[in-house]
PDB file of N, CA and C in Angstrom:
ATOM      1  N   MET A   1      33.349  25.482 166.995  1.00  0.00           N
ATOM      2  CA  MET A   1      33.856  24.908 165.410  1.00  0.00           C
ATOM      3  C   MET A   1      32.706  24.866 164.448  1.00  0.00           C
ATOM      4  N   THR A   2      32.893  25.631 163.148  1.00  0.00           N
ATOM      5  CA  THR A   2      31.653  25.650 162.071  1.00  0.00           C
ATOM      6  C   THR A   2      31.995  24.781 161.272  1.00  0.00           C
ATOM      7  N   PRO A   3      30.824  24.249 160.736  1.00  0.00           N
ATOM      8  CA  PRO A   3      30.999  23.149 159.949  1.00  0.00           C
ATOM      9  C   PRO A   3      31.454  23.451 158.545  1.00  0.00           C
ATOM     10  N   GLU A   4      32.113  22.622 157.911  1.00  0.00           N
ATOM     11  CA  GLU A   4      32.821  22.833 156.918  1.00  0.00           C
ATOM     12  C   GLU A   4      31.737  22.956 155.719  1.00  0.00           C
ATOM     13  N   LYS A   5      32.270  24.052 154.967  1.00  0.00           N
ATOM     14  CA  LYS A   5      31.165  24.275 153.512  1.00  0.00           C
ATOM     15  C   LYS A   5      31.584  23.529 152.635  1.00  0.00           C
ATOM     16  N   LYS A   6      30.416  22.702 151.831  1.00  0.00           N
ATOM     17  CA  LYS A   6      30.515  21.888 151.005  1.00  0.00           C
ATOM     18  C   LYS A   6      30.876  22.744 149.789  1.00  0.00           C
ATOM     19  N   PRO A   7      31.926  21.980 148.698  1.00  0.00           N
ATOM     20  CA  PRO A   7      32.174  22.954 147.486  1.00  0.00           C
ATOM     21  C   PRO A   7      30.769  22.895 146.973  1.00  0.00           C
ATOM     22  N   SER A   8      30.911  24.256 146.156  1.00  0.00           N
ATOM     23  CA  SER A   8      29.850  24.756 144.977  1.00  0.00           C
ATOM     24  C   SER A   8      30.043  24.229 143.967  1.00  0.00           C
ATOM     25  N   ASN A   9      29.025  24.040 142.832  1.00  0.00           N
ATOM     26  CA  ASN A   9      28.844  24.120 141.627  1.00  0.00           C
ATOM     27  C   ASN A   9      28.956  25.415 141.151  1.00  0.00           C
ATOM     28  N   ASP A  10      28.635  26.291 141.731  1.00  0.00           N
ATOM     29  CA  ASP A  10      28.052  27.731 141.012  1.00  0.00           C
ATOM     30  C   ASP A  10      29.334  28.289 140.371  1.00  0.00           C
ATOM     31  N   SER A  11      30.502  28.271 140.781  1.00  0.00           N
ATOM     32  CA  SER A  11      31.710  28.591 139.778  1.00  0.00           C
ATOM     33  C   SER A  11      31.593  28.209 138.445  1.00  0.00           C
ATOM     34  N   LEU A  12      31.395  26.755 138.588  1.00  0.00           N
ATOM     35  CA  LEU A  12      31.280  26.405 137.373  1.00  0.00           C
ATOM     36  C   LEU A  12      30.059  26.498 136.216  1.00  0.00           C
ATOM     37  N   ILE A  13      28.953  26.766 136.601  1.00  0.00           N
ATOM     38  CA  ILE A  13      28.030  27.104 136.096  1.00  0.00           C
ATOM     39  C   ILE A  13      28.189  28.584 136.143  1.00  0.00           C
ATOM     40  N   ASP A  14      28.737  29.265 136.826  1.00  0.00           N
ATOM     41  CA  ASP A  14      28.981  30.456 136.373  1.00  0.00           C
ATOM     42  C   ASP A  14      29.431  31.040 134.833  1.00  0.00           C
ATOM     43  N   GLU A  15      30.624  29.827 134.767  1.00  0.00           N
ATOM     44  CA  GLU A  15      31.519  30.014 133.739  1.00  0.00           C
ATOM     45  C   GLU A  15      30.676  29.511 132.339  1.00  0.00           C
ATOM     46  N   GLN A  16      29.761  28.607 132.405  1.00  0.00           N
ATOM     47  CA  GLN A  16      29.163  27.897 131.416  1.00  0.00           C
ATOM     48  C   GLN A  16      27.969  29.054 131.215  1.00  0.00           C
ATOM     49  N   VAL A  17      27.692  30.140 131.595  1.00  0.00           N
ATOM     50  CA  VAL A  17      26.385  30.685 131.235  1.00  0.00           C
ATOM     51  C   VAL A  17      26.997  32.095 130.904  1.00  0.00           C
ATOM     52  N   PRO A  18      27.054  32.261 129.543  1.00  0.00           N
ATOM     53  CA  PRO A  18      27.918  34.031 129.351  1.00  0.00           C
ATOM     54  C   PRO A  18      26.403  34.713 129.367  1.00  0.00           C
ATOM     55  N   GLN A  19      26.382  35.676 130.112  1.00  0.00           N
ATOM     56  CA  GLN A  19      25.394  36.831 130.112  1.00  0.00           C
ATOM     57  C   GLN A  19      24.700  37.234 128.905  1.00  0.00           C
ATOM     58  N   ASP A  20      25.624  37.602 127.834  1.00  0.00           N
ATOM     59  CA  ASP A  20      24.709  37.966 126.489  1.00  0.00           C
ATOM     60  C   ASP A  20      24.739  36.923 125.703  1.00  0.00           C
ATOM     61  N   ALA A  21      24.480  35.453 126.250  1.00  0.00           N
ATOM     62  CA  ALA A  21      24.376  34.234 125.193  1.00  0.00           C
ATOM     63  C   ALA A  21      23.749  34.470 124.200  1.00  0.00           C
ATOM     64  N   PRO A  22      22.186  34.963 124.476  1.00  0.00           N
ATOM     65  CA  PRO A  22      20.968  34.703 123.669  1.00  0.00           C
ATOM     66  C   PRO A  22      21.312  35.742 122.424  1.00  0.00           C
ATOM     67  N   GLU A  23      22.060  37.037 122.556  1.00  0.00           N
ATOM     68  CA  GLU A  23      22.290  37.944 121.524  1.00  0.00           C
ATOM     69  C   GLU A  23      23.685  37.467 120.824  1.00  0.00           C
ATOM     70  N   GLN A  24      24.217  36.193 121.221  1.00  0.00           N
ATOM     71  CA  GLN A  24      25.229  35.972 120.154  1.00  0.00           C
ATOM     72  C   GLN A  24      24.666  35.498 118.746  1.00  0.00           C
ATOM     73  N   ASP A  25      25.518  35.318 117.894  1.00  0.00           N
ATOM     74  CA  ASP A  25      25.341  35.102 116.431  1.00  0.00           C
ATOM     75  C   ASP A  25      25.508  33.509 116.334  1.00  0.00           C
ATOM     76  N   PHE A  26      24.864  32.642 117.314  1.00  0.00           N
ATOM     77  CA  PHE A  26      25.037  31.113 117.095  1.00  0.00           C
ATOM     78  C   PHE A  26      24.440  30.544 115.814  1.00  0.00           C
ATOM     79  N   SER A  27      25.282  29.444 114.997  1.00  0.00           N
ATOM     80  CA  SER A  27      24.430  28.960 114.401  1.00  0.00           C
ATOM     81  C   SER A  27      23.199  27.977 114.930  1.00  0.00           C
ATOM     82  N   TYR A  28      22.438  27.474 114.011  1.00  0.00           N
ATOM     83  CA  TYR A  28      21.581  26.639 114.421  1.00  0.00           C
ATOM     84  C   TYR A  28      21.932  25.725 115.359  1.00  0.00           C
ATOM     85  N   GLU A  29      23.207  24.764 114.942  1.00  0.00           N
ATOM     86  CA  GLU A  29      23.446  23.899 115.480  1.00  0.00           C
ATOM     87  C   GLU A  29      24.002  24.058 116.526  1.00  0.00           C
ATOM     88  N   GLU A  30      24.654  25.184 116.960  1.00  0.00           N
ATOM     89  CA  GLU A  30      25.511  25.986 117.975  1.00  0.00           C
ATOM     90  C   GLU A  30      24.405  26.090 119.337  1.00  0.00           C
ATOM     91  N   ALA A  31      23.248  26.632 118.676  1.00  0.00           N
ATOM     92  CA  ALA A  31      21.925  27.329 119.565  1.00  0.00           C
ATOM     93  C   ALA A  31      21.642  25.912 120.413  1.00  0.00           C
ATOM     94  N   ILE A  32      21.339  24.976 119.252  1.00  0.00           N
ATOM     95  CA  ILE A  32      20.502  23.677 119.873  1.00  0.00           C
ATOM     96  C   ILE A  32      21.399  22.987 121.062  1.00  0.00           C
ATOM     97  N   LYS A  33      22.922  22.840 120.409  1.00  0.00           N
ATOM     98  CA  LYS A  33      24.151  22.365 121.537  1.00  0.00           C
ATOM     99  C   LYS A  33      23.910  23.097 122.922  1.00  0.00           C
ATOM    100  N   ARG A  34      24.045  24.580 122.687  1.00  0.00           N
ATOM    101  CA  ARG A  34      23.766  25.259 124.076  1.00  0.00           C
ATOM    102  C   ARG A  34      22.467  25.132 124.893  1.00  0.00           C
ATOM    103  N   LEU A  35      21.375  25.010 124.395  1.00  0.00           N
ATOM    104  CA  LEU A  35      19.984  24.540 124.771  1.00  0.00           C
ATOM    105  C   LEU A  35      20.190  23.387 125.470  1.00  0.00           C
ATOM    106  N   GLU A  36      20.798  22.351 124.784  1.00  0.00           N
ATOM    107  CA  GLU A  36      21.089  21.177 125.527  1.00  0.00           C
ATOM    108  C   GLU A  36      21.927  21.012 126.725  1.00  0.00           C
ATOM    109  N   GLU A  37      22.791  22.111 126.695  1.00  0.00           N
ATOM    110  CA  GLU A  37      23.548  22.067 128.006  1.00  0.00           C
ATOM    111  C   GLU A  37      22.602  22.831 129.165  1.00  0.00           C
ATOM    112  N   ILE A  38      21.945  23.726 128.850  1.00  0.00           N
ATOM    113  CA  ILE A  38      21.259  24.337 129.363  1.00  0.00           C
ATOM    114  C   ILE A  38      19.973  23.296 130.058  1.00  0.00           C
ATOM    115  N   VAL A  39      19.233  22.425 129.522  1.00  0.00           N
ATOM    116  CA  VAL A  39      18.444  21.897 129.984  1.00  0.00           C
ATOM    117  C   VAL A  39      19.329  20.726 130.802  1.00  0.00           C
ATOM    118  N   THR A  40      20.662  20.184 130.520  1.00  0.00           N
ATOM    119  CA  THR A  40      21.051  19.140 131.462  1.00  0.00           C
ATOM    120  C   THR A  40      21.539  20.025 132.737  1.00  0.00           C
ATOM    121  N   MET A  41      21.929  21.011 133.118  1.00  0.00           N
ATOM    122  CA  MET A  41      22.141  22.005 133.998  1.00  0.00           C
ATOM    123  C   MET A  41      20.747  22.205 134.657  1.00  0.00           C
ATOM    124  N   LEU A  42      19.875  22.453 134.184  1.00  0.00           N
ATOM    125  CA  LEU A  42      18.510  22.585 135.118  1.00  0.00           C
ATOM    126  C   LEU A  42      17.988  21.353 135.388  1.00  0.00           C
ATOM    127  N   GLU A  43      18.360  20.104 135.036  1.00  0.00           N
ATOM    128  CA  GLU A  43      17.771  18.510 135.370  1.00  0.00           C
ATOM    129  C   GLU A  43      18.451  18.032 136.286  1.00  0.00           C
ATOM    130  N   ARG A  44      19.840  18.659 136.407  1.00  0.00           N
ATOM    131  CA  ARG A  44      20.593  18.321 137.654  1.00  0.00           C
ATOM    132  C   ARG A  44      20.094  18.969 138.692  1.00  0.00           C
ATOM    133  N   GLY A  45      19.593  20.037 138.929  1.00  0.00           N
ATOM    134  CA  GLY A  45      18.932  20.665 139.860  1.00  0.00           C
ATOM    135  C   GLY A  45      19.649  21.189 140.943  1.00  0.00           C
ATOM    136  N   ASP A  46      20.798  21.268 140.675  1.00  0.00           N
ATOM    137  CA  ASP A  46      22.188  21.821 141.758  1.00  0.00           C
ATOM    138  C   ASP A  46      22.186  23.407 141.492  1.00  0.00           C
ATOM    139  N   ALA A  47      21.706  24.203 140.720  1.00  0.00           N
ATOM    140  CA  ALA A  47      22.169  25.639 140.678  1.00  0.00           C
ATOM    141  C   ALA A  47      21.021  26.270 141.618  1.00  0.00           C
ATOM    142  N   PRO A  48      21.826  27.067 141.949  1.00  0.00           N
ATOM    143  CA  PRO A  48      20.918  28.229 142.991  1.00  0.00           C
ATOM    144  C   PRO A  48      19.738  28.748 141.930  1.00  0.00           C
ATOM    145  N   LEU A  49      18.840  29.380 143.053  1.00  0.00           N
ATOM    146  CA  LEU A  49      17.718  29.714 142.187  1.00  0.00           C
ATOM    147  C   LEU A  49      17.783  31.016 141.088  1.00  0.00           C
ATOM    148  N   GLU A  50      18.464  31.795 141.368  1.00  0.00           N
ATOM    149  CA  GLU A  50      18.828  32.854 140.251  1.00  0.00           C
ATOM    150  C   GLU A  50      19.422  32.450 139.323  1.00  0.00           C
ATOM    151  N   GLN A  51      20.751  31.339 139.256  1.00  0.00           N
ATOM    152  CA  GLN A  51      21.152  31.081 138.412  1.00  0.00           C
ATOM    153  C   GLN A  51      20.163  30.322 137.400  1.00  0.00           C
ATOM    154  N   SER A  52      19.321  29.530 138.419  1.00  0.00           N
ATOM    155  CA  SER A  52      18.796  28.520 137.364  1.00  0.00           C
ATOM    156  C   SER A  52      17.760  29.338 136.507  1.00  0.00           C
ATOM    157  N   MET A  53      17.078  30.581 136.960  1.00  0.00           N
ATOM    158  CA  MET A  53      16.210  31.602 136.264  1.00  0.00           C
ATOM    159  C   MET A  53      17.109  32.261 135.050  1.00  0.00           C
ATOM    160  N   THR A  54      18.180  32.552 135.452  1.00  0.00           N
ATOM    161  CA  THR A  54      19.101  33.173 134.042  1.00  0.00           C
ATOM    162  C   THR A  54      19.261  32.024 132.974  1.00  0.00           C
ATOM    163  N   LEU A  55      19.569  30.821 133.561  1.00  0.00           N
ATOM    164  CA  LEU A  55      19.607  29.584 132.615  1.00  0.00           C
ATOM    165  C   LEU A  55      18.358  29.277 131.944  1.00  0.00           C
ATOM    166  N   PHE A  56      17.345  29.324 132.705  1.00  0.00           N
ATOM    167  CA  PHE A  56      15.614  29.058 131.954  1.00  0.00           C
ATOM    168  C   PHE A  56      15.708  30.444 130.830  1.00  0.00           C
ATOM    169  N   ARG A  57      15.718  31.696 131.109  1.00  0.00           N
ATOM    170  CA  ARG A  57      15.705  32.559 130.189  1.00  0.00           C
ATOM    171  C   ARG A  57      16.372  32.759 129.175  1.00  0.00           C
ATOM    172  N   GLU A  58      17.862  32.192 129.107  1.00  0.00           N
ATOM    173  CA  GLU A  58      18.728  31.826 128.078  1.00  0.00           C
ATOM    174  C   GLU A  58      18.007  31.031 126.973  1.00  0.00           C
ATOM    175  N   GLY A  59      17.605  29.578 127.723  1.00  0.00           N
ATOM    176  CA  GLY A  59      17.309  28.674 127.081  1.00  0.00           C
ATOM    177  C   GLY A  59      16.136  29.187 126.147  1.00  0.00           C
ATOM    178  N   ILE A  60      14.921  29.962 127.052  1.00  0.00           N
ATOM    179  CA  ILE A  60      13.814  30.276 126.204  1.00  0.00           C
ATOM    180  C   ILE A  60      14.227  31.220 124.874  1.00  0.00           C
ATOM    181  N   ALA A  61      15.106  31.931 125.212  1.00  0.00           N
ATOM    182  CA  ALA A  61      15.695  32.848 124.285  1.00  0.00           C
ATOM    183  C   ALA A  61      16.262  32.183 122.797  1.00  0.00           C
ATOM    184  N   LEU A  62      17.019  31.027 123.519  1.00  0.00           N
ATOM    185  CA  LEU A  62      17.560  29.969 122.491  1.00  0.00           C
ATOM    186  C   LEU A  62      16.516  29.150 121.672  1.00  0.00           C
ATOM    187  N   ALA A  63      15.598  28.543 122.150  1.00  0.00           N
ATOM    188  CA  ALA A  63      14.476  27.925 121.659  1.00  0.00           C
ATOM    189  C   ALA A  63      13.751  28.734 120.678  1.00  0.00           C
ATOM    190  N   ASP A  64      13.418  29.754 121.166  1.00  0.00           N
ATOM    191  CA  ASP A  64      12.817  31.203 120.599  1.00  0.00           C
ATOM    192  C   ASP A  64      13.557  31.463 119.146  1.00  0.00           C
ATOM    193  N   ARG A  65      14.778  31.122 119.471  1.00  0.00           N
ATOM    194  CA  ARG A  65      15.410  31.974 118.041  1.00  0.00           C
ATOM    195  C   ARG A  65      15.932  30.649 117.206  1.00  0.00           C
ATOM    196  N   CYS A  66      15.999  29.437 117.618  1.00  0.00           N
ATOM    197  CA  CYS A  66      16.088  27.924 116.782  1.00  0.00           C
ATOM    198  C   CYS A  66      14.422  27.914 116.140  1.00  0.00           C
ATOM    199  N   ALA A  67      13.424  28.160 116.878  1.00  0.00           N
ATOM    200  CA  ALA A  67      12.138  28.370 116.225  1.00  0.00           C
ATOM    201  C   ALA A  67      11.836  29.184 114.850  1.00  0.00           C
ATOM    202  N   ASN A  68      12.408  30.391 115.204  1.00  0.00           N
ATOM    203  CA  ASN A  68      12.558  31.532 114.009  1.00  0.00           C
ATOM    204  C   ASN A  68      13.101  30.704 112.930  1.00  0.00           C
ATOM    205  N   MET A  69      14.669  30.343 113.191  1.00  0.00           N
ATOM    206  CA  MET A  69      15.515  30.033 112.072  1.00  0.00           C
ATOM    207  C   MET A  69      14.813  28.926 111.385  1.00  0.00           C
ATOM    208  N   LEU A  70      14.104  28.118 111.893  1.00  0.00           N
ATOM    209  CA  LEU A  70      13.575  27.001 111.183  1.00  0.00           C
ATOM    210  C   LEU A  70      12.379  27.241 110.440  1.00  0.00           C
ATOM    211  N   LEU A  71      11.631  28.153 110.731  1.00  0.00           N
ATOM    212  CA  LEU A  71      10.346  29.159 110.195  1.00  0.00           C
ATOM    213  C   LEU A  71      11.069  29.661 108.950  1.00  0.00           C
ATOM    214  N   GLN A  72      12.200  30.506 109.260  1.00  0.00           N
ATOM    215  CA  GLN A  72      12.719  31.102 108.253  1.00  0.00           C
ATOM    216  C   GLN A  72      12.945  30.118 106.651  1.00  0.00           C
ATOM    217  N   MET A  73      13.924  29.243 107.327  1.00  0.00           N
ATOM    218  CA  MET A  73      14.312  28.190 106.544  1.00  0.00           C
ATOM    219  C   MET A  73      12.977  27.606 105.718  1.00  0.00           C
ATOM    220  N   LYS A  74      12.128  27.162 106.205  1.00  0.00           N
ATOM    221  CA  LYS A  74      10.774  26.654 105.613  1.00  0.00           C
ATOM    222  C   LYS A  74      10.280  27.531 104.645  1.00  0.00           C
ATOM    223  N   GLU A  75      10.277  28.665 105.067  1.00  0.00           N
ATOM    224  CA  GLU A  75       9.965  29.714 104.183  1.00  0.00           C
ATOM    225  C   GLU A  75      10.774  29.827 102.856  1.00  0.00           C
ATOM    226  N   GLU A  76      11.860  29.631 103.308  1.00  0.00           N
ATOM    227  CA  GLU A  76      12.769  29.608 101.996  1.00  0.00           C
ATOM    228  C   GLU A  76      12.692  28.704 101.112  1.00  0.00           C
ATOM    229  N   LEU A  77      12.595  27.367 101.558  1.00  0.00           N
ATOM    230  CA  LEU A  77      12.459  26.201 100.909  1.00  0.00           C
ATOM    231  C   LEU A  77      11.040  26.259 100.448  1.00  0.00           C
ATOM    232  N   THR A  78      10.268  26.490 100.649  1.00  0.00           N
ATOM    233  CA  THR A  78       8.781  26.985 100.105  1.00  0.00           C
ATOM    234  C   THR A  78       9.053  27.826  98.900  1.00  0.00           C
ATOM    235  N   ILE A  79       9.830  28.889  98.559  1.00  0.00           N
ATOM    236  CA  ILE A  79      10.141  29.799  97.722  1.00  0.00           C
ATOM    237  C   ILE A  79      10.808  28.784  96.476  1.00  0.00           C
ATOM    238  N   LEU A  80      11.636  28.321  96.997  1.00  0.00           N
ATOM    239  CA  LEU A  80      12.817  27.497  96.223  1.00  0.00           C
ATOM    240  C   LEU A  80      12.113  26.379  95.468  1.00  0.00           C
ATOM    241  N   VAL A  81      11.253  25.347  96.081  1.00  0.00           N
ATOM    242  CA  VAL A  81      10.654  24.016  95.964  1.00  0.00           C
ATOM    243  C   VAL A  81       9.040  24.092  95.812  1.00  0.00           C
ATOM    244  N   GLY A  82       8.631  25.047  96.040  1.00  0.00           N
ATOM    245  CA  GLY A  82       6.819  24.954  96.014  1.00  0.00           C
ATOM    246  C   GLY A  82       6.441  24.292  97.534  1.00  0.00           C
ATOM    247  N   GLU A  83       5.152  24.852  97.682  1.00  0.00           N
ATOM    248  CA  GLU A  83       4.424  23.620  98.519  1.00  0.00           C
ATOM    249  C   GLU A  83       4.460  22.410  98.522  1.00  0.00           C
ATOM    250  N   ASP A  84       4.172  21.850  97.247  1.00  0.00           N
ATOM    251  CA  ASP A  84       3.958  20.453  97.040  1.00  0.00           C
ATOM    252  C   ASP A  84       5.308  19.767  96.564  1.00  0.00           C
ATOM    253  N   GLY A  85       6.195  20.422  96.765  1.00  0.00           N
ATOM    254  CA  GLY A  85       7.575  19.528  96.632  1.00  0.00           C
ATOM    255  C   GLY A  85       7.891  19.808  95.223  1.00  0.00           C
ATOM    256  N   SER A  86       7.268  20.290  94.336  1.00  0.00           N
ATOM    257  CA  SER A  86       7.909  20.263  92.897  1.00  0.00           C
ATOM    258  C   SER A  86       8.550  21.650  92.504  1.00  0.00           C
ATOM    259  N   GLU A  87       9.360  21.749  91.617  1.00  0.00           N
ATOM    260  CA  GLU A  87      10.255  22.996  91.201  1.00  0.00           C
ATOM    261  C   GLU A  87       9.355  23.982  91.303  1.00  0.00           C
ATOM    262  N   ALA A  88       9.821  25.137  91.883  1.00  0.00           N
ATOM    263  CA  ALA A  88       9.016  26.122  91.613  1.00  0.00           C
ATOM    264  C   ALA A  88       9.451  27.261  91.029  1.00  0.00           C
ATOM    265  N   ALA A  89       8.683  28.237  89.862  1.00  0.00           N
ATOM    266  CA  ALA A  89       9.203  29.121  89.228  1.00  0.00           C
ATOM    267  C   ALA A  89      10.173  30.136  90.319  1.00  0.00           C
ATOM    268  N   LEU A  90      11.301  30.439  89.921  1.00  0.00           N
ATOM    269  CA  LEU A  90      12.127  31.228  90.504  1.00  0.00           C
ATOM    270  C   LEU A  90      12.064  33.025  90.383  1.00  0.00           C
ATOM    271  N   ASP A  91      11.670  33.657  91.220  1.00  0.00           N
ATOM    272  CA  ASP A  91      11.873  35.380  90.948  1.00  0.00           C
ATOM    273  C   ASP A  91      12.884  35.682  92.106  1.00  0.00           C
ATOM    274  N   MET A  92      13.998  35.875  91.159  1.00  0.00           N
ATOM    275  CA  MET A  92      15.243  36.403  91.910  1.00  0.00           C
ATOM    276  C   MET A  92      15.258  37.511  93.185  1.00  0.00           C
ATOM    277  N   LYS A  93      14.243  38.282  92.951  1.00  0.00           N
ATOM    278  CA  LYS A  93      14.026  39.270  93.602  1.00  0.00           C
ATOM    279  C   LYS A  93      13.561  38.643  95.268  1.00  0.00           C
ATOM    280  N   GLU A  94      12.471  37.652  95.091  1.00  0.00           N
ATOM    281  CA  GLU A  94      12.126  36.932  96.291  1.00  0.00           C
ATOM    282  C   GLU A  94      13.186  36.493  96.978  1.00  0.00           C
ATOM    283  N   ILE A  95      14.180  35.787  96.311  1.00  0.00           N
ATOM    284  CA  ILE A  95      15.398  34.900  96.842  1.00  0.00           C
ATOM    285  C   ILE A  95      16.277  36.089  97.926  1.00  0.00           C
ATOM    286  N   SER A  96      16.489  37.136  96.946  1.00  0.00           N
ATOM    287  CA  SER A  96      17.297  38.064  97.565  1.00  0.00           C
ATOM    288  C   SER A  96      16.889  39.136  98.838  1.00  0.00           C
ATOM    289  N   ASP A  97      15.471  39.059  98.836  1.00  0.00           N
ATOM    290  CA  ASP A  97      15.057  39.703  99.956  1.00  0.00           C
ATOM    291  C   ASP A  97      15.247  38.992 101.456  1.00  0.00           C
TER     292      ASP A  97
END
């Protein structure tokens, strides 16, 4: 008699990890939400090693993307407002680039 196999969460995890997720055009908020989901899944610790690595890679890509989005927004705000927060003279060529 063979021991009963416990149900696995692998299928649930597989469904939640799109293979092309880092390349998708997420908004900042969507990327943060997905990153939080990944952190939760990794913290649970019930994913197999390969799946954990896939989640980790996706999380790193999303974190990098979010950091780049924030940096870009900061640069745009600096152009619009100026370093010290005062209104800056706008050059429309700079804004459209």
